[in-house]
Amino acid sequence: MHTRNVNTTAPESSRKMVEKASKALKEHAQVLIEAHRRLPEGVRVTITDISRHGDVQVEIRKFGVLDWRAWSFEPDFLADLERQLMAAEQK
């Protein structure tokens, strides 16, 4: 009978790395949102959803109407969030 050693730690390790990266993105998004609290009246920025993988969804609403929404796993999420926050402050 032949036996084979199987390394079961790799998937768990990669999952933990993804969870840490998601948590860091969420924290960075929260810092950006807090830094841009000088938004005009009627503009709200919220973290509206968190996936089971730790990804966050951020929304910017103007007088209740959705203006922008993105998930943290999307490319350039933080840069887009900051750009949208700066644009919302200007209006």
C-alpha atoms as a PDB file:
ATOM      1  CA  MET A   1       0.000   0.000   0.000  1.00  0.00           C
ATOM      2  CA  HIS A   2       1.318   3.428  -0.931  1.00  0.00           C
ATOM      3  CA  THR A   3       0.780   6.435   1.239  1.00  0.00           C
ATOM      4  CA  ARG A   4       1.085  10.051   0.311  1.00  0.00           C
ATOM      5  CA  ASN A   5       1.723  13.019   2.557  1.00  0.00           C
ATOM      6  CA  VAL A   6      -0.637  15.889   1.907  1.00  0.00           C
ATOM      7  CA  ASN A   7       0.111  19.394   3.091  1.00  0.00           C
ATOM      8  CA  THR A   8      -3.164  20.724   4.444  1.00  0.00           C
ATOM      9  CA  THR A   9      -1.744  23.949   5.879  1.00  0.00           C
ATOM     10  CA  ALA A  10      -1.312  25.818   2.589  1.00  0.00           C
ATOM     11  CA  PRO A  11      -5.008  26.539   1.886  1.00  0.00           C
ATOM     12  CA  GLU A  12      -5.568  27.685   5.431  1.00  0.00           C
ATOM     13  CA  SER A  13      -2.504  29.932   5.302  1.00  0.00           C
ATOM     14  CA  SER A  14      -3.577  31.533   2.024  1.00  0.00           C
ATOM     15  CA  ARG A  15      -7.104  32.059   3.393  1.00  0.00           C
ATOM     16  CA  LYS A  16      -5.674  33.819   6.438  1.00  0.00           C
ATOM     17  CA  MET A  17      -3.571  36.059   4.202  1.00  0.00           C
ATOM     18  CA  VAL A  18      -6.669  37.046   2.209  1.00  0.00           C
ATOM     19  CA  GLU A  19      -8.588  37.739   5.413  1.00  0.00           C
ATOM     20  CA  LYS A  20      -5.760  39.964   6.694  1.00  0.00           C
ATOM     21  CA  ALA A  21      -5.633  41.852   3.386  1.00  0.00           C
ATOM     22  CA  SER A  22      -9.419  42.341   3.455  1.00  0.00           C
ATOM     23  CA  LYS A  23      -9.255  43.594   7.028  1.00  0.00           C
ATOM     24  CA  ALA A  24      -6.487  46.046   6.100  1.00  0.00           C
ATOM     25  CA  LEU A  25      -8.540  47.346   3.153  1.00  0.00           C
ATOM     26  CA  LYS A  26     -11.569  47.807   5.398  1.00  0.00           C
ATOM     27  CA  GLU A  27      -9.516  49.701   7.974  1.00  0.00           C
ATOM     28  CA  HIS A  28      -7.943  51.889   5.283  1.00  0.00           C
ATOM     29  CA  ALA A  29     -11.395  52.629   3.839  1.00  0.00           C
ATOM     30  CA  GLN A  30     -12.629  53.626   7.295  1.00  0.00           C
ATOM     31  CA  VAL A  31      -9.648  55.953   7.736  1.00  0.00           C
ATOM     32  CA  LEU A  32     -10.350  57.587   4.362  1.00  0.00           C
ATOM     33  CA  ILE A  33     -14.028  58.040   5.207  1.00  0.00           C
ATOM     34  CA  GLU A  34     -13.171  59.585   8.577  1.00  0.00           C
ATOM     35  CA  ALA A  35     -10.656  61.932   6.941  1.00  0.00           C
ATOM     36  CA  HIS A  36     -13.333  63.265   4.597  1.00  0.00           C
ATOM     37  CA  ARG A  37     -16.012  64.177   7.117  1.00  0.00           C
ATOM     38  CA  ARG A  38     -16.390  67.702   5.710  1.00  0.00           C
ATOM     39  CA  LEU A  39     -18.956  66.529   3.204  1.00  0.00           C
ATOM     40  CA  PRO A  40     -21.794  68.844   2.180  1.00  0.00           C
ATOM     41  CA  GLU A  41     -25.236  68.457   3.668  1.00  0.00           C
ATOM     42  CA  GLY A  42     -27.124  65.548   2.152  1.00  0.00           C
ATOM     43  CA  VAL A  43     -24.024  63.509   1.279  1.00  0.00           C
ATOM     44  CA  ARG A  44     -23.600  60.265   3.206  1.00  0.00           C
ATOM     45  CA  VAL A  45     -20.753  57.762   3.008  1.00  0.00           C
ATOM     46  CA  THR A  46     -21.327  54.369   4.565  1.00  0.00           C
ATOM     47  CA  ILE A  47     -19.870  50.906   4.660  1.00  0.00           C
ATOM     48  CA  THR A  48     -23.066  49.153   3.649  1.00  0.00           C
ATOM     49  CA  ASP A  49     -22.141  45.492   3.465  1.00  0.00           C
ATOM     50  CA  ILE A  50     -19.451  43.078   4.563  1.00  0.00           C
ATOM     51  CA  SER A  51     -19.070  39.749   2.771  1.00  0.00           C
ATOM     52  CA  ARG A  52     -18.351  36.511   4.547  1.00  0.00           C
ATOM     53  CA  HIS A  53     -14.793  36.859   3.233  1.00  0.00           C
ATOM     54  CA  GLY A  54     -14.350  40.250   4.915  1.00  0.00           C
ATOM     55  CA  ASP A  55     -14.722  42.401   1.800  1.00  0.00           C
ATOM     56  CA  VAL A  56     -16.566  45.670   2.332  1.00  0.00           C
ATOM     57  CA  GLN A  57     -18.923  47.624   0.132  1.00  0.00           C
ATOM     58  CA  VAL A  58     -18.877  51.416   0.381  1.00  0.00           C
ATOM     59  CA  GLU A  59     -21.645  53.701  -0.862  1.00  0.00           C
ATOM     60  CA  ILE A  60     -21.837  57.424  -1.391  1.00  0.00           C
ATOM     61  CA  ARG A  61     -25.387  58.771  -1.475  1.00  0.00           C
ATOM     62  CA  LYS A  62     -26.507  62.288  -2.233  1.00  0.00           C
ATOM     63  CA  PHE A  63     -29.886  63.125  -0.728  1.00  0.00           C
ATOM     64  CA  GLY A  64     -30.659  59.410  -0.555  1.00  0.00           C
ATOM     65  CA  VAL A  65     -29.810  58.704  -4.190  1.00  0.00           C
ATOM     66  CA  LEU A  66     -26.936  56.326  -4.884  1.00  0.00           C
ATOM     67  CA  ASP A  67     -24.027  58.234  -6.449  1.00  0.00           C
ATOM     68  CA  TRP A  68     -21.195  55.674  -6.190  1.00  0.00           C
ATOM     69  CA  ARG A  69     -20.711  52.139  -4.886  1.00  0.00           C
ATOM     70  CA  ALA A  70     -17.734  49.763  -4.892  1.00  0.00           C
ATOM     71  CA  TRP A  71     -16.425  46.624  -3.227  1.00  0.00           C
ATOM     72  CA  SER A  72     -12.989  46.485  -1.615  1.00  0.00           C
ATOM     73  CA  PHE A  73     -11.909  43.606  -3.865  1.00  0.00           C
ATOM     74  CA  GLU A  74     -12.305  45.751  -6.998  1.00  0.00           C
ATOM     75  CA  PRO A  75      -9.108  47.035  -8.641  1.00  0.00           C
ATOM     76  CA  ASP A  76      -8.013  50.478  -7.391  1.00  0.00           C
ATOM     77  CA  PHE A  77     -10.751  50.500  -4.746  1.00  0.00           C
ATOM     78  CA  LEU A  78      -8.935  52.791  -2.312  1.00  0.00           C
ATOM     79  CA  ALA A  79      -7.810  55.245  -4.993  1.00  0.00           C
ATOM     80  CA  ASP A  80     -11.340  55.390  -6.419  1.00  0.00           C
ATOM     81  CA  LEU A  81     -12.830  55.857  -2.952  1.00  0.00           C
ATOM     82  CA  GLU A  82     -10.501  58.734  -2.174  1.00  0.00           C
ATOM     83  CA  ARG A  83     -11.174  60.347  -5.562  1.00  0.00           C
ATOM     84  CA  GLN A  84     -14.939  60.067  -5.019  1.00  0.00           C
ATOM     85  CA  LEU A  85     -14.692  61.490  -1.500  1.00  0.00           C
ATOM     86  CA  MET A  86     -12.658  64.447  -2.715  1.00  0.00           C
ATOM     87  CA  ALA A  87     -15.174  65.089  -5.504  1.00  0.00           C
ATOM     88  CA  ALA A  88     -18.059  64.914  -3.021  1.00  0.00           C
ATOM     89  CA  GLU A  89     -16.331  67.493  -0.776  1.00  0.00           C
ATOM     90  CA  GLN A  90     -15.973  69.926  -3.681  1.00  0.00           C
ATOM     91  CA  LYS A  91     -19.692  70.015  -4.478  1.00  0.00           C
END
